[in-house]
Each structure stands twice: as structure tokens, then as C-alpha cells.
PDB file of N, CA and C in Angstrom:
ATOM      1  N   UNK A   1       0.842  -1.176   0.000  1.00  0.00           N
ATOM      2  CA  UNK A   1       0.000   0.000   0.000  1.00  0.00           C
ATOM      3  C   UNK A   1       0.888   1.240   0.000  1.00  0.00           C
ATOM      4  N   UNK A   2       0.577   2.182  -0.865  1.00  0.00           N
ATOM      5  CA  UNK A   2       1.364   3.403  -0.914  1.00  0.00           C
ATOM      6  C   UNK A   2       0.991   4.304   0.261  1.00  0.00           C
ATOM      7  N   UNK A   3       1.897   5.189   0.617  1.00  0.00           N
ATOM      8  CA  UNK A   3       1.712   6.066   1.762  1.00  0.00           C
ATOM      9  C   UNK A   3       0.933   7.288   1.304  1.00  0.00           C
ATOM     10  N   UNK A   4      -0.417   7.160   1.218  1.00  0.00           N
ATOM     11  CA  UNK A   4      -1.274   8.238   0.740  1.00  0.00           C
ATOM     12  C   UNK A   4      -2.507   8.362   1.607  1.00  0.00           C
ATOM     13  N   UNK A   5      -3.044   9.577   1.634  1.00  0.00           N
ATOM     14  CA  UNK A   5      -4.332   9.812   2.280  1.00  0.00           C
ATOM     15  C   UNK A   5      -5.412   9.207   1.396  1.00  0.00           C
ATOM     16  N   UNK A   6      -6.324   8.451   1.996  1.00  0.00           N
ATOM     17  CA  UNK A   6      -7.347   7.781   1.214  1.00  0.00           C
ATOM     18  C   UNK A   6      -8.511   8.692   0.856  1.00  0.00           C
ATOM     19  N   UNK A   7      -8.534   9.924   1.377  1.00  0.00           N
ATOM     20  CA  UNK A   7      -9.594  10.859   1.022  1.00  0.00           C
ATOM     21  C   UNK A   7      -9.150  11.873  -0.025  1.00  0.00           C
ATOM     22  N   UNK A   8      -8.014  12.530   0.207  1.00  0.00           N
ATOM     23  CA  UNK A   8      -7.587  13.588  -0.717  1.00  0.00           C
ATOM     24  C   UNK A   8      -6.463  13.151  -1.646  1.00  0.00           C
ATOM     25  N   UNK A   9      -5.797  12.027  -1.351  1.00  0.00           N
ATOM     26  CA  UNK A   9      -4.732  11.534  -2.217  1.00  0.00           C
ATOM     27  C   UNK A   9      -3.372  12.153  -1.978  1.00  0.00           C
ATOM     28  N   UNK A  10      -3.238  12.893  -0.880  1.00  0.00           N
ATOM     29  CA  UNK A  10      -1.933  13.492  -0.567  1.00  0.00           C
ATOM     30  C   UNK A  10      -0.921  12.391  -0.289  1.00  0.00           C
ATOM     31  N   UNK A  11       0.269  12.496  -0.893  1.00  0.00           N
ATOM     32  CA  UNK A  11       1.277  11.458  -0.731  1.00  0.00           C
ATOM     33  C   UNK A  11       2.654  12.034  -0.476  1.00  0.00           C
ATOM     34  N   UNK A  12       3.645  11.174  -0.559  1.00  0.00           N
ATOM     35  CA  UNK A  12       5.025  11.572  -0.307  1.00  0.00           C
ATOM     36  C   UNK A  12       5.574  12.375  -1.482  1.00  0.00           C
ATOM     37  N   UNK A  13       6.429  13.341  -1.174  1.00  0.00           N
ATOM     38  CA  UNK A  13       7.123  14.118  -2.201  1.00  0.00           C
ATOM     39  C   UNK A  13       8.611  14.104  -1.869  1.00  0.00           C
ATOM     40  N   UNK A  14       9.442  14.245  -2.888  1.00  0.00           N
ATOM     41  CA  UNK A  14      10.881  14.257  -2.666  1.00  0.00           C
ATOM     42  C   UNK A  14      11.390  15.683  -2.660  1.00  0.00           C
ATOM     43  N   UNK A  15      12.480  15.880  -1.944  1.00  0.00           N
ATOM     44  CA  UNK A  15      13.085  17.194  -1.857  1.00  0.00           C
ATOM     45  C   UNK A  15      14.514  17.059  -1.396  1.00  0.00           C
ATOM     46  N   UNK A  16      15.056  18.162  -0.913  1.00  0.00           N
ATOM     47  CA  UNK A  16      16.438  18.165  -0.484  1.00  0.00           C
ATOM     48  C   UNK A  16      16.561  18.495   0.984  1.00  0.00           C
ATOM     49  N   UNK A  17      17.501  17.844   1.644  1.00  0.00           N
ATOM     50  CA  UNK A  17      17.850  18.163   3.017  1.00  0.00           C
ATOM     51  C   UNK A  17      19.169  18.920   2.959  1.00  0.00           C
ATOM     52  N   UNK A  18      19.129  20.211   3.266  1.00  0.00           N
ATOM     53  CA  UNK A  18      20.297  21.066   3.109  1.00  0.00           C
ATOM     54  C   UNK A  18      20.981  21.276   4.450  1.00  0.00           C
ATOM     55  N   UNK A  19      22.287  21.068   4.487  1.00  0.00           N
ATOM     56  CA  UNK A  19      23.051  21.285   5.710  1.00  0.00           C
ATOM     57  C   UNK A  19      23.478  22.754   5.793  1.00  0.00           C
ATOM     58  N   UNK A  20      24.183  23.069   6.856  1.00  0.00           N
ATOM     59  CA  UNK A  20      24.661  24.439   7.042  1.00  0.00           C
ATOM     60  C   UNK A  20      25.639  24.843   5.939  1.00  0.00           C
ATOM     61  N   UNK A  21      26.404  23.887   5.428  1.00  0.00           N
ATOM     62  CA  UNK A  21      27.354  24.190   4.354  1.00  0.00           C
ATOM     63  C   UNK A  21      26.717  24.050   2.969  1.00  0.00           C
ATOM     64  N   UNK A  22      25.394  23.949   2.927  1.00  0.00           N
ATOM     65  CA  UNK A  22      24.596  23.897   1.689  1.00  0.00           C
ATOM     66  C   UNK A  22      24.818  22.633   0.875  1.00  0.00           C
ATOM     67  N   UNK A  23      25.252  21.559   1.524  1.00  0.00           N
ATOM     68  CA  UNK A  23      25.300  20.268   0.834  1.00  0.00           C
ATOM     69  C   UNK A  23      23.881  19.720   0.769  1.00  0.00           C
ATOM     70  N   UNK A  24      23.572  19.056  -0.341  1.00  0.00           N
ATOM     71  CA  UNK A  24      22.215  18.587  -0.586  1.00  0.00           C
ATOM     72  C   UNK A  24      22.157  17.065  -0.505  1.00  0.00           C
ATOM     73  N   UNK A  25      21.166  16.559   0.189  1.00  0.00           N
ATOM     74  CA  UNK A  25      20.897  15.129   0.258  1.00  0.00           C
ATOM     75  C   UNK A  25      19.419  14.923  -0.046  1.00  0.00           C
ATOM     76  N   UNK A  26      19.115  13.946  -0.905  1.00  0.00           N
ATOM     77  CA  UNK A  26      17.725  13.659  -1.228  1.00  0.00           C
ATOM     78  C   UNK A  26      17.014  13.057  -0.019  1.00  0.00           C
ATOM     79  N   UNK A  27      15.763  13.456   0.175  1.00  0.00           N
ATOM     80  CA  UNK A  27      14.941  12.902   1.242  1.00  0.00           C
ATOM     81  C   UNK A  27      13.486  12.959   0.818  1.00  0.00           C
ATOM     82  N   UNK A  28      12.625  12.286   1.556  1.00  0.00           N
ATOM     83  CA  UNK A  28      11.199  12.317   1.248  1.00  0.00           C
ATOM     84  C   UNK A  28      10.458  13.025   2.370  1.00  0.00           C
ATOM     85  N   UNK A  29       9.477  13.813   1.993  1.00  0.00           N
ATOM     86  CA  UNK A  29       8.582  14.466   2.933  1.00  0.00           C
ATOM     87  C   UNK A  29       7.285  13.672   2.921  1.00  0.00           C
ATOM     88  N   UNK A  30       6.895  13.146   4.087  1.00  0.00           N
ATOM     89  CA  UNK A  30       5.736  12.272   4.158  1.00  0.00           C
ATOM     90  C   UNK A  30       4.591  12.979   4.873  1.00  0.00           C
ATOM     91  N   UNK A  31       3.356  12.755   4.441  1.00  0.00           N
ATOM     92  CA  UNK A  31       2.210  13.382   5.099  1.00  0.00           C
ATOM     93  C   UNK A  31       1.955  12.762   6.473  1.00  0.00           C
ATOM     94  N   UNK A  32       1.323  13.531   7.329  1.00  0.00           N
ATOM     95  CA  UNK A  32       0.991  13.065   8.676  1.00  0.00           C
ATOM     96  C   UNK A  32      -0.316  12.280   8.596  1.00  0.00           C
ATOM     97  N   UNK A  33      -0.206  10.957   8.445  1.00  0.00           N
ATOM     98  CA  UNK A  33      -1.382  10.106   8.308  1.00  0.00           C
ATOM     99  C   UNK A  33      -1.762   9.501   9.652  1.00  0.00           C
ATOM    100  N   UNK A  34      -3.070   9.442   9.889  1.00  0.00           N
ATOM    101  CA  UNK A  34      -3.607   8.840  11.097  1.00  0.00           C
ATOM    102  C   UNK A  34      -4.584   7.743  10.697  1.00  0.00           C
ATOM    103  N   UNK A  35      -4.587   6.666  11.456  1.00  0.00           N
ATOM    104  CA  UNK A  35      -5.507   5.566  11.195  1.00  0.00           C
ATOM    105  C   UNK A  35      -6.819   5.872  11.911  1.00  0.00           C
ATOM    106  N   UNK A  36      -7.916   5.980  11.131  1.00  0.00           N
ATOM    107  CA  UNK A  36      -9.202   6.346  11.708  1.00  0.00           C
ATOM    108  C   UNK A  36     -10.312   5.507  11.119  1.00  0.00           C
ATOM    109  N   UNK A  37     -11.369   5.306  11.914  1.00  0.00           N
ATOM    110  CA  UNK A  37     -12.567   4.672  11.384  1.00  0.00           C
ATOM    111  C   UNK A  37     -13.400   5.752  10.711  1.00  0.00           C
ATOM    112  N   UNK A  38     -13.736   5.517   9.436  1.00  0.00           N
ATOM    113  CA  UNK A  38     -14.400   6.519   8.610  1.00  0.00           C
ATOM    114  C   UNK A  38     -15.530   5.831   7.858  1.00  0.00           C
ATOM    115  N   UNK A  39     -16.604   6.572   7.585  1.00  0.00           N
ATOM    116  CA  UNK A  39     -17.681   6.050   6.753  1.00  0.00           C
ATOM    117  C   UNK A  39     -17.332   6.351   5.300  1.00  0.00           C
ATOM    118  N   UNK A  40     -17.045   5.298   4.517  1.00  0.00           N
ATOM    119  CA  UNK A  40     -16.747   5.423   3.093  1.00  0.00           C
ATOM    120  C   UNK A  40     -17.750   4.587   2.316  1.00  0.00           C
ATOM    121  N   UNK A  41     -18.467   5.213   1.391  1.00  0.00           N
ATOM    122  CA  UNK A  41     -19.457   4.542   0.547  1.00  0.00           C
ATOM    123  C   UNK A  41     -20.505   3.811   1.376  1.00  0.00           C
ATOM    124  N   UNK A  42     -20.912   4.414   2.481  1.00  0.00           N
ATOM    125  CA  UNK A  42     -21.945   3.835   3.320  1.00  0.00           C
ATOM    126  C   UNK A  42     -21.491   2.755   4.277  1.00  0.00           C
ATOM    127  N   UNK A  43     -20.216   2.431   4.296  1.00  0.00           N
ATOM    128  CA  UNK A  43     -19.691   1.380   5.156  1.00  0.00           C
ATOM    129  C   UNK A  43     -18.622   1.955   6.074  1.00  0.00           C
ATOM    130  N   UNK A  44     -18.533   1.398   7.275  1.00  0.00           N
ATOM    131  CA  UNK A  44     -17.492   1.800   8.211  1.00  0.00           C
ATOM    132  C   UNK A  44     -16.210   1.062   7.872  1.00  0.00           C
ATOM    133  N   UNK A  45     -15.154   1.825   7.607  1.00  0.00           N
ATOM    134  CA  UNK A  45     -13.873   1.242   7.244  1.00  0.00           C
ATOM    135  C   UNK A  45     -12.765   1.940   8.020  1.00  0.00           C
ATOM    136  N   UNK A  46     -11.672   1.225   8.213  1.00  0.00           N
ATOM    137  CA  UNK A  46     -10.477   1.835   8.784  1.00  0.00           C
ATOM    138  C   UNK A  46      -9.643   2.382   7.640  1.00  0.00           C
ATOM    139  N   UNK A  47      -9.316   3.671   7.713  1.00  0.00           N
ATOM    140  CA  UNK A  47      -8.607   4.317   6.616  1.00  0.00           C
ATOM    141  C   UNK A  47      -7.469   5.158   7.173  1.00  0.00           C
ATOM    142  N   UNK A  48      -6.452   5.344   6.341  1.00  0.00           N
ATOM    143  CA  UNK A  48      -5.361   6.254   6.662  1.00  0.00           C
ATOM    144  C   UNK A  48      -5.712   7.620   6.093  1.00  0.00           C
ATOM    145  N   UNK A  49      -5.869   8.602   6.990  1.00  0.00           N
ATOM    146  CA  UNK A  49      -6.345   9.928   6.614  1.00  0.00           C
ATOM    147  C   UNK A  49      -5.340  10.955   7.110  1.00  0.00           C
ATOM    148  N   UNK A  50      -5.043  11.975   6.281  1.00  0.00           N
ATOM    149  CA  UNK A  50      -4.108  13.019   6.701  1.00  0.00           C
ATOM    150  C   UNK A  50      -4.794  13.954   7.701  1.00  0.00           C
ATOM    151  N   UNK A  51      -3.996  14.620   8.503  1.00  0.00           N
ATOM    152  CA  UNK A  51      -4.539  15.466   9.558  1.00  0.00           C
ATOM    153  C   UNK A  51      -5.251  16.691   9.000  1.00  0.00           C
ATOM    154  N   UNK A  52      -4.910  17.124   7.800  1.00  0.00           N
ATOM    155  CA  UNK A  52      -5.605  18.256   7.197  1.00  0.00           C
ATOM    156  C   UNK A  52      -7.059  17.900   6.900  1.00  0.00           C
ATOM    157  N   UNK A  53      -7.290  16.670   6.435  1.00  0.00           N
ATOM    158  CA  UNK A  53      -8.662  16.219   6.182  1.00  0.00           C
ATOM    159  C   UNK A  53      -9.438  16.071   7.486  1.00  0.00           C
ATOM    160  N   UNK A  54      -8.767  15.632   8.545  1.00  0.00           N
ATOM    161  CA  UNK A  54      -9.434  15.480   9.836  1.00  0.00           C
ATOM    162  C   UNK A  54      -9.828  16.849  10.385  1.00  0.00           C
ATOM    163  N   UNK A  55      -8.912  17.813  10.316  1.00  0.00           N
ATOM    164  CA  UNK A  55      -9.176  19.145  10.858  1.00  0.00           C
ATOM    165  C   UNK A  55     -10.232  19.899  10.068  1.00  0.00           C
ATOM    166  N   UNK A  56     -10.258  19.708   8.737  1.00  0.00           N
ATOM    167  CA  UNK A  56     -11.196  20.463   7.906  1.00  0.00           C
ATOM    168  C   UNK A  56     -12.570  19.813   7.833  1.00  0.00           C
ATOM    169  N   UNK A  57     -12.740  18.632   8.433  1.00  0.00           N
ATOM    170  CA  UNK A  57     -14.059  18.022   8.511  1.00  0.00           C
ATOM    171  C   UNK A  57     -14.445  17.181   7.314  1.00  0.00           C
ATOM    172  N   UNK A  58     -13.491  16.699   6.534  1.00  0.00           N
ATOM    173  CA  UNK A  58     -13.803  15.834   5.393  1.00  0.00           C
ATOM    174  C   UNK A  58     -14.211  14.433   5.844  1.00  0.00           C
ATOM    175  N   UNK A  59     -13.806  14.038   7.043  1.00  0.00           N
ATOM    176  CA  UNK A  59     -14.124  12.698   7.522  1.00  0.00           C
ATOM    177  C   UNK A  59     -15.477  12.705   8.209  1.00  0.00           C
ATOM    178  N   UNK A  60     -16.214  11.614   8.066  1.00  0.00           N
ATOM    179  CA  UNK A  60     -17.453  11.429   8.809  1.00  0.00           C
ATOM    180  C   UNK A  60     -17.264  10.207   9.686  1.00  0.00           C
ATOM    181  N   UNK A  61     -17.312  10.411  11.002  1.00  0.00           N
ATOM    182  CA  UNK A  61     -17.079   9.325  11.935  1.00  0.00           C
ATOM    183  C   UNK A  61     -18.335   8.469  12.042  1.00  0.00           C
ATOM    184  N   UNK A  62     -18.169   7.166  12.214  1.00  0.00           N
ATOM    185  CA  UNK A  62     -19.337   6.290  12.328  1.00  0.00           C
ATOM    186  C   UNK A  62     -20.067   6.495  13.651  1.00  0.00           C
ATOM    187  N   UNK A  63     -21.379   6.258  13.637  1.00  0.00           N
ATOM    188  CA  UNK A  63     -22.184   6.365  14.844  1.00  0.00           C
ATOM    189  C   UNK A  63     -21.978   5.107  15.669  1.00  0.00           C
ATOM    190  N   UNK A  64     -21.760   5.274  16.962  1.00  0.00           N
ATOM    191  CA  UNK A  64     -21.506   4.111  17.824  1.00  0.00           C
ATOM    192  C   UNK A  64     -22.788   3.373  18.136  1.00  0.00           C
TER     193      UNK A  64
END
């Protein structure tokens, strides 16, 4: 499974890690994913969701 948000599709991106002497090393920036129970297509499923989707209210939590 790729490291992506299952709601918005946000995933890993590559960039550079620069030291004080401006040497460059490749690295990946990964989204802050949280495992949550979410209602998807009418069913309760466990999904990996980024914190931006959680904060903005894109997730609908299942009724207990």
C-alpha cells in the first residue's frame, strides 16, 4: 500500500535536506497520516487519513 491519504490523495514528495554548508541530500517528505474509522461509501472502514482532512471536517465518523 502506498503512503497516501485515502480521502484527498496526498502522498510523499521528494526534496532536499540542506546542511549548514549547503550540501544537498535527497529525502522524502511524508504526510501526517492517522488511522481512523471513517464512513466510506456507506460502510465503516479503517482508513489512513491526513490530519488536514481530519481538521477540515472531510471525515465522517461512524455512529456508535
